[in-house]
Amino acid sequence: MTLRLRARKVTVDPAGVETELPMNEWVPIGVFAPSGPGREYGGTLYLRPHRIRTGQQTIVVTVPRKPADAGIDPISC
């Protein structure tokens, strides 16, 4: 599976002003199977940290079967 993403890190002060910061962090990447009957979520096919930097990047992972969904830091969402 190929994930194409654009990452950025932003802080917001009390006045609502955004400041972009450089990003260079390990973030979990998750890939999930289709959900079955009566299930809200499918099983986890892949969940590992990847170094995510500011800007565009491509992450390629191998999973054992066809995925239905993928996400960055999917457990905290």
PDB file of N, CA and C in Angstrom:
ATOM      1  N   MET A   1       0.855  -1.163   0.000  1.00  0.00           N
ATOM      2  CA  MET A   1       0.000   0.000   0.000  1.00  0.00           C
ATOM      3  C   MET A   1       0.902   1.227   0.000  1.00  0.00           C
ATOM      4  N   THR A   2       0.510   2.217  -0.787  1.00  0.00           N
ATOM      5  CA  THR A   2       1.266   3.458  -0.872  1.00  0.00           C
ATOM      6  C   THR A   2       0.450   4.594  -0.285  1.00  0.00           C
ATOM      7  N   LEU A   3       1.037   5.304   0.662  1.00  0.00           N
ATOM      8  CA  LEU A   3       0.403   6.472   1.283  1.00  0.00           C
ATOM      9  C   LEU A   3       1.175   7.710   0.872  1.00  0.00           C
ATOM     10  N   ARG A   4       0.475   8.659   0.300  1.00  0.00           N
ATOM     11  CA  ARG A   4       1.081   9.947  -0.040  1.00  0.00           C
ATOM     12  C   ARG A   4       0.508  10.979   0.914  1.00  0.00           C
ATOM     13  N   LEU A   5       1.384  11.728   1.563  1.00  0.00           N
ATOM     14  CA  LEU A   5       0.903  12.679   2.553  1.00  0.00           C
ATOM     15  C   LEU A   5       1.713  13.961   2.548  1.00  0.00           C
ATOM     16  N   ARG A   6       1.102  14.982   3.123  1.00  0.00           N
ATOM     17  CA  ARG A   6       1.774  16.263   3.352  1.00  0.00           C
ATOM     18  C   ARG A   6       1.588  16.563   4.824  1.00  0.00           C
ATOM     19  N   ALA A   7       2.688  16.679   5.532  1.00  0.00           N
ATOM     20  CA  ALA A   7       2.634  16.878   6.977  1.00  0.00           C
ATOM     21  C   ALA A   7       3.112  18.270   7.357  1.00  0.00           C
ATOM     22  N   ARG A   8       2.520  18.776   8.426  1.00  0.00           N
ATOM     23  CA  ARG A   8       2.993  20.030   9.010  1.00  0.00           C
ATOM     24  C   ARG A   8       2.605  20.035  10.475  1.00  0.00           C
ATOM     25  N   LYS A   9       3.359  20.809  11.241  1.00  0.00           N
ATOM     26  CA  LYS A   9       3.116  20.940  12.673  1.00  0.00           C
ATOM     27  C   LYS A   9       2.853  22.411  12.961  1.00  0.00           C
ATOM     28  N   VAL A  10       1.767  22.672  13.674  1.00  0.00           N
ATOM     29  CA  VAL A  10       1.357  24.049  13.929  1.00  0.00           C
ATOM     30  C   VAL A  10       1.031  24.213  15.405  1.00  0.00           C
ATOM     31  N   THR A  11       1.453  25.333  15.980  1.00  0.00           N
ATOM     32  CA  THR A  11       0.999  25.709  17.316  1.00  0.00           C
ATOM     33  C   THR A  11       0.086  26.926  17.165  1.00  0.00           C
ATOM     34  N   VAL A  12      -0.827  27.055  18.113  1.00  0.00           N
ATOM     35  CA  VAL A  12      -1.760  28.179  18.097  1.00  0.00           C
ATOM     36  C   VAL A  12      -1.680  28.877  19.447  1.00  0.00           C
ATOM     37  N   ASP A  13      -1.425  30.186  19.428  1.00  0.00           N
ATOM     38  CA  ASP A  13      -1.344  30.923  20.694  1.00  0.00           C
ATOM     39  C   ASP A  13      -2.761  31.302  21.161  1.00  0.00           C
ATOM     40  N   PRO A  14      -2.894  31.852  22.366  1.00  0.00           N
ATOM     41  CA  PRO A  14      -4.221  32.192  22.896  1.00  0.00           C
ATOM     42  C   PRO A  14      -5.021  33.163  22.022  1.00  0.00           C
ATOM     43  N   ALA A  15      -4.346  33.960  21.199  1.00  0.00           N
ATOM     44  CA  ALA A  15      -5.041  34.891  20.313  1.00  0.00           C
ATOM     45  C   ALA A  15      -5.477  34.220  19.004  1.00  0.00           C
ATOM     46  N   GLY A  16      -5.136  32.935  18.831  1.00  0.00           N
ATOM     47  CA  GLY A  16      -5.517  32.210  17.626  1.00  0.00           C
ATOM     48  C   GLY A  16      -4.527  32.320  16.491  1.00  0.00           C
ATOM     49  N   VAL A  17      -3.346  32.863  16.764  1.00  0.00           N
ATOM     50  CA  VAL A  17      -2.323  33.008  15.726  1.00  0.00           C
ATOM     51  C   VAL A  17      -1.569  31.689  15.578  1.00  0.00           C
ATOM     52  N   GLU A  18      -1.536  31.177  14.343  1.00  0.00           N
ATOM     53  CA  GLU A  18      -0.842  29.927  14.064  1.00  0.00           C
ATOM     54  C   GLU A  18       0.620  30.184  13.720  1.00  0.00           C
ATOM     55  N   THR A  19       1.488  29.319  14.255  1.00  0.00           N
ATOM     56  CA  THR A  19       2.909  29.358  13.931  1.00  0.00           C
ATOM     57  C   THR A  19       3.321  27.970  13.490  1.00  0.00           C
ATOM     58  N   GLU A  20       3.875  27.867  12.282  1.00  0.00           N
ATOM     59  CA  GLU A  20       4.312  26.568  11.783  1.00  0.00           C
ATOM     60  C   GLU A  20       5.699  26.247  12.326  1.00  0.00           C
ATOM     61  N   LEU A  21       5.848  25.012  12.807  1.00  0.00           N
ATOM     62  CA  LEU A  21       7.112  24.531  13.352  1.00  0.00           C
ATOM     63  C   LEU A  21       7.644  23.411  12.465  1.00  0.00           C
ATOM     64  N   PRO A  22       8.964  23.203  12.450  1.00  0.00           N
ATOM     65  CA  PRO A  22       9.497  22.072  11.682  1.00  0.00           C
ATOM     66  C   PRO A  22       9.052  20.761  12.333  1.00  0.00           C
ATOM     67  N   MET A  23       8.736  19.785  11.506  1.00  0.00           N
ATOM     68  CA  MET A  23       8.306  18.480  12.006  1.00  0.00           C
ATOM     69  C   MET A  23       9.331  17.436  11.627  1.00  0.00           C
ATOM     70  N   ASN A  24       9.717  16.627  12.598  1.00  0.00           N
ATOM     71  CA  ASN A  24      10.638  15.525  12.397  1.00  0.00           C
ATOM     72  C   ASN A  24      10.398  14.559  13.555  1.00  0.00           C
ATOM     73  N   GLU A  25       9.287  13.816  13.472  1.00  0.00           N
ATOM     74  CA  GLU A  25       8.847  12.995  14.599  1.00  0.00           C
ATOM     75  C   GLU A  25       8.443  11.600  14.150  1.00  0.00           C
ATOM     76  N   TRP A  26       8.512  10.664  15.087  1.00  0.00           N
ATOM     77  CA  TRP A  26       8.021   9.314  14.858  1.00  0.00           C
ATOM     78  C   TRP A  26       6.523   9.302  15.155  1.00  0.00           C
ATOM     79  N   VAL A  27       5.745   8.885  14.167  1.00  0.00           N
ATOM     80  CA  VAL A  27       4.284   8.892  14.273  1.00  0.00           C
ATOM     81  C   VAL A  27       3.773   7.518  13.807  1.00  0.00           C
ATOM     82  N   PRO A  28       2.809   6.927  14.528  1.00  0.00           N
ATOM     83  CA  PRO A  28       2.263   5.643  14.090  1.00  0.00           C
ATOM     84  C   PRO A  28       1.488   5.765  12.772  1.00  0.00           C
ATOM     85  N   ILE A  29       1.707   4.798  11.893  1.00  0.00           N
ATOM     86  CA  ILE A  29       0.956   4.667  10.650  1.00  0.00           C
ATOM     87  C   ILE A  29       0.184   3.355  10.753  1.00  0.00           C
ATOM     88  N   GLY A  30      -1.123   3.416  10.516  1.00  0.00           N
ATOM     89  CA  GLY A  30      -1.953   2.215  10.617  1.00  0.00           C
ATOM     90  C   GLY A  30      -2.663   1.914   9.311  1.00  0.00           C
ATOM     91  N   VAL A  31      -2.785   0.617   9.016  1.00  0.00           N
ATOM     92  CA  VAL A  31      -3.537   0.144   7.854  1.00  0.00           C
ATOM     93  C   VAL A  31      -4.513  -0.909   8.377  1.00  0.00           C
ATOM     94  N   PHE A  32      -5.763  -0.835   7.907  1.00  0.00           N
ATOM     95  CA  PHE A  32      -6.821  -1.657   8.485  1.00  0.00           C
ATOM     96  C   PHE A  32      -7.595  -2.424   7.422  1.00  0.00           C
ATOM     97  N   ALA A  33      -8.055  -3.618   7.793  1.00  0.00           N
ATOM     98  CA  ALA A  33      -8.851  -4.478   6.919  1.00  0.00           C
ATOM     99  C   ALA A  33     -10.293  -3.985   6.886  1.00  0.00           C
ATOM    100  N   PRO A  34     -11.060  -4.440   5.901  1.00  0.00           N
ATOM    101  CA  PRO A  34     -12.488  -4.103   5.891  1.00  0.00           C
ATOM    102  C   PRO A  34     -13.175  -4.659   7.143  1.00  0.00           C
ATOM    103  N   SER A  35     -14.213  -3.980   7.605  1.00  0.00           N
ATOM    104  CA  SER A  35     -14.960  -4.471   8.757  1.00  0.00           C
ATOM    105  C   SER A  35     -15.882  -5.597   8.313  1.00  0.00           C
ATOM    106  N   GLY A  36     -16.140  -6.533   9.212  1.00  0.00           N
ATOM    107  CA  GLY A  36     -17.030  -7.645   8.917  1.00  0.00           C
ATOM    108  C   GLY A  36     -18.454  -7.303   9.314  1.00  0.00           C
ATOM    109  N   PRO A  37     -19.381  -8.200   9.058  1.00  0.00           N
ATOM    110  CA  PRO A  37     -20.776  -7.976   9.432  1.00  0.00           C
ATOM    111  C   PRO A  37     -20.926  -7.722  10.936  1.00  0.00           C
ATOM    112  N   GLY A  38     -21.606  -6.652  11.279  1.00  0.00           N
ATOM    113  CA  GLY A  38     -21.830  -6.319  12.678  1.00  0.00           C
ATOM    114  C   GLY A  38     -20.638  -5.718  13.389  1.00  0.00           C
ATOM    115  N   ARG A  39     -19.575  -5.436  12.665  1.00  0.00           N
ATOM    116  CA  ARG A  39     -18.378  -4.853  13.271  1.00  0.00           C
ATOM    117  C   ARG A  39     -18.162  -3.453  12.734  1.00  0.00           C
ATOM    118  N   GLU A  40     -17.779  -2.560  13.632  1.00  0.00           N
ATOM    119  CA  GLU A  40     -17.552  -1.172  13.223  1.00  0.00           C
ATOM    120  C   GLU A  40     -16.206  -0.999  12.521  1.00  0.00           C
ATOM    121  N   TYR A  41     -15.186  -1.756  12.962  1.00  0.00           N
ATOM    122  CA  TYR A  41     -13.841  -1.623  12.414  1.00  0.00           C
ATOM    123  C   TYR A  41     -13.307  -2.977  11.983  1.00  0.00           C
ATOM    124  N   GLY A  42     -12.425  -2.941  10.984  1.00  0.00           N
ATOM    125  CA  GLY A  42     -11.728  -4.150  10.570  1.00  0.00           C
ATOM    126  C   GLY A  42     -10.478  -4.341  11.411  1.00  0.00           C
ATOM    127  N   GLY A  43      -9.829  -5.460  11.239  1.00  0.00           N
ATOM    128  CA  GLY A  43      -8.613  -5.753  11.987  1.00  0.00           C
ATOM    129  C   GLY A  43      -7.437  -4.907  11.533  1.00  0.00           C
ATOM    130  N   THR A  44      -6.454  -4.802  12.389  1.00  0.00           N
ATOM    131  CA  THR A  44      -5.240  -4.043  12.087  1.00  0.00           C
ATOM    132  C   THR A  44      -4.317  -4.906  11.241  1.00  0.00           C
ATOM    133  N   LEU A  45      -3.981  -4.419  10.068  1.00  0.00           N
ATOM    134  CA  LEU A  45      -3.045  -5.112   9.181  1.00  0.00           C
ATOM    135  C   LEU A  45      -1.619  -4.633   9.383  1.00  0.00           C
ATOM    136  N   TYR A  46      -1.483  -3.391   9.835  1.00  0.00           N
ATOM    137  CA  TYR A  46      -0.148  -2.792   9.982  1.00  0.00           C
ATOM    138  C   TYR A  46      -0.269  -1.623  10.944  1.00  0.00           C
ATOM    139  N   LEU A  47       0.632  -1.556  11.920  1.00  0.00           N
ATOM    140  CA  LEU A  47       0.674  -0.414  12.838  1.00  0.00           C
ATOM    141  C   LEU A  47       2.096  -0.285  13.358  1.00  0.00           C
ATOM    142  N   ARG A  48       2.835   0.669  12.779  1.00  0.00           N
ATOM    143  CA  ARG A  48       4.237   0.879  13.156  1.00  0.00           C
ATOM    144  C   ARG A  48       4.572   2.362  13.057  1.00  0.00           C
ATOM    145  N   PRO A  49       5.553   2.799  13.848  1.00  0.00           N
ATOM    146  CA  PRO A  49       5.966   4.206  13.750  1.00  0.00           C
ATOM    147  C   PRO A  49       6.834   4.453  12.511  1.00  0.00           C
ATOM    148  N   HIS A  50       6.645   5.624  11.929  1.00  0.00           N
ATOM    149  CA  HIS A  50       7.455   6.093  10.800  1.00  0.00           C
ATOM    150  C   HIS A  50       7.896   7.518  11.103  1.00  0.00           C
ATOM    151  N   ARG A  51       9.095   7.876  10.629  1.00  0.00           N
ATOM    152  CA  ARG A  51       9.554   9.247  10.800  1.00  0.00           C
ATOM    153  C   ARG A  51       8.818  10.135   9.796  1.00  0.00           C
ATOM    154  N   ILE A  52       8.091  11.107  10.321  1.00  0.00           N
ATOM    155  CA  ILE A  52       7.325  12.030   9.490  1.00  0.00           C
ATOM    156  C   ILE A  52       7.991  13.398   9.593  1.00  0.00           C
ATOM    157  N   ARG A  53       8.287  13.963   8.434  1.00  0.00           N
ATOM    158  CA  ARG A  53       8.924  15.283   8.368  1.00  0.00           C
ATOM    159  C   ARG A  53       7.976  16.264   7.697  1.00  0.00           C
ATOM    160  N   THR A  54       8.245  17.533   7.880  1.00  0.00           N
ATOM    161  CA  THR A  54       7.451  18.574   7.237  1.00  0.00           C
ATOM    162  C   THR A  54       7.487  18.392   5.725  1.00  0.00           C
ATOM    163  N   GLY A  55       6.336  18.563   5.088  1.00  0.00           N
ATOM    164  CA  GLY A  55       6.265  18.525   3.635  1.00  0.00           C
ATOM    165  C   GLY A  55       5.682  17.236   3.089  1.00  0.00           C
ATOM    166  N   GLN A  56       5.812  17.079   1.778  1.00  0.00           N
ATOM    167  CA  GLN A  56       5.258  15.914   1.097  1.00  0.00           C
ATOM    168  C   GLN A  56       6.195  14.733   1.218  1.00  0.00           C
ATOM    169  N   GLN A  57       5.604  13.549   1.352  1.00  0.00           N
ATOM    170  CA  GLN A  57       6.376  12.323   1.428  1.00  0.00           C
ATOM    171  C   GLN A  57       5.501  11.147   1.035  1.00  0.00           C
ATOM    172  N   THR A  58       6.151  10.037   0.741  1.00  0.00           N
ATOM    173  CA  THR A  58       5.459   8.814   0.362  1.00  0.00           C
ATOM    174  C   THR A  58       5.925   7.708   1.289  1.00  0.00           C
ATOM    175  N   ILE A  59       4.963   6.944   1.798  1.00  0.00           N
ATOM    176  CA  ILE A  59       5.264   5.802   2.658  1.00  0.00           C
ATOM    177  C   ILE A  59       4.689   4.572   1.971  1.00  0.00           C
ATOM    178  N   VAL A  60       5.514   3.543   1.807  1.00  0.00           N
ATOM    179  CA  VAL A  60       5.073   2.299   1.182  1.00  0.00           C
ATOM    180  C   VAL A  60       5.177   1.198   2.231  1.00  0.00           C
ATOM    181  N   VAL A  61       4.063   0.480   2.452  1.00  0.00           N
ATOM    182  CA  VAL A  61       4.048  -0.631   3.399  1.00  0.00           C
ATOM    183  C   VAL A  61       3.452  -1.858   2.718  1.00  0.00           C
ATOM    184  N   THR A  62       3.833  -3.019   3.193  1.00  0.00           N
ATOM    185  CA  THR A  62       3.301  -4.274   2.684  1.00  0.00           C
ATOM    186  C   THR A  62       2.349  -4.846   3.717  1.00  0.00           C
ATOM    187  N   VAL A  63       1.153  -5.206   3.287  1.00  0.00           N
ATOM    188  CA  VAL A  63       0.157  -5.790   4.183  1.00  0.00           C
ATOM    189  C   VAL A  63      -0.263  -7.151   3.635  1.00  0.00           C
ATOM    190  N   PRO A  64      -0.750  -8.053   4.516  1.00  0.00           N
ATOM    191  CA  PRO A  64      -1.040  -9.424   4.090  1.00  0.00           C
ATOM    192  C   PRO A  64      -2.280  -9.593   3.216  1.00  0.00           C
ATOM    193  N   ARG A  65      -3.176  -8.604   3.216  1.00  0.00           N
ATOM    194  CA  ARG A  65      -4.369  -8.690   2.362  1.00  0.00           C
ATOM    195  C   ARG A  65      -4.863  -7.286   2.034  1.00  0.00           C
ATOM    196  N   LYS A  66      -5.918  -7.218   1.236  1.00  0.00           N
ATOM    197  CA  LYS A  66      -6.425  -5.940   0.751  1.00  0.00           C
ATOM    198  C   LYS A  66      -6.901  -5.061   1.908  1.00  0.00           C
ATOM    199  N   PRO A  67      -6.384  -3.826   2.009  1.00  0.00           N
ATOM    200  CA  PRO A  67      -6.795  -2.920   3.072  1.00  0.00           C
ATOM    201  C   PRO A  67      -8.060  -2.157   2.702  1.00  0.00           C
ATOM    202  N   ALA A  68      -8.727  -1.635   3.728  1.00  0.00           N
ATOM    203  CA  ALA A  68      -9.903  -0.790   3.515  1.00  0.00           C
ATOM    204  C   ALA A  68      -9.618   0.648   3.887  1.00  0.00           C
ATOM    205  N   ASP A  69      -8.676   0.860   4.798  1.00  0.00           N
ATOM    206  CA  ASP A  69      -8.440   2.213   5.315  1.00  0.00           C
ATOM    207  C   ASP A  69      -7.022   2.293   5.847  1.00  0.00           C
ATOM    208  N   ALA A  70      -6.504   3.518   5.914  1.00  0.00           N
ATOM    209  CA  ALA A  70      -5.182   3.764   6.478  1.00  0.00           C
ATOM    210  C   ALA A  70      -5.190   5.141   7.110  1.00  0.00           C
ATOM    211  N   GLY A  71      -4.288   5.353   8.069  1.00  0.00           N
ATOM    212  CA  GLY A  71      -4.255   6.660   8.696  1.00  0.00           C
ATOM    213  C   GLY A  71      -2.960   6.934   9.442  1.00  0.00           C
ATOM    214  N   ILE A  72      -2.754   8.211   9.705  1.00  0.00           N
ATOM    215  CA  ILE A  72      -1.613   8.675  10.487  1.00  0.00           C
ATOM    216  C   ILE A  72      -2.087   8.813  11.926  1.00  0.00           C
ATOM    217  N   ASP A  73      -1.356   8.228  12.865  1.00  0.00           N
ATOM    218  CA  ASP A  73      -1.697   8.267  14.284  1.00  0.00           C
ATOM    219  C   ASP A  73      -3.158   7.864  14.494  1.00  0.00           C
ATOM    220  N   PRO A  74      -3.562   6.697  13.969  1.00  0.00           N
ATOM    221  CA  PRO A  74      -4.982   6.338  13.947  1.00  0.00           C
ATOM    222  C   PRO A  74      -5.589   6.034  15.308  1.00  0.00           C
ATOM    223  N   ILE A  75      -4.801   5.678  16.290  1.00  0.00           N
ATOM    224  CA  ILE A  75      -5.334   5.319  17.604  1.00  0.00           C
ATOM    225  C   ILE A  75      -5.786   6.545  18.361  1.00  0.00           C
ATOM    226  N   SER A  76      -5.136   7.687  18.158  1.00  0.00           N
ATOM    227  CA  SER A  76      -5.492   8.898  18.914  1.00  0.00           C
ATOM    228  C   SER A  76      -6.669   9.643  18.295  1.00  0.00           C
ATOM    229  N   CYS A  77      -7.081   9.274  17.092  1.00  0.00           N
ATOM    230  CA  CYS A  77      -8.174  10.010  16.422  1.00  0.00           C
ATOM    231  C   CYS A  77      -9.526   9.722  17.005  1.00  0.00           C
TER     232      CYS A  77
END
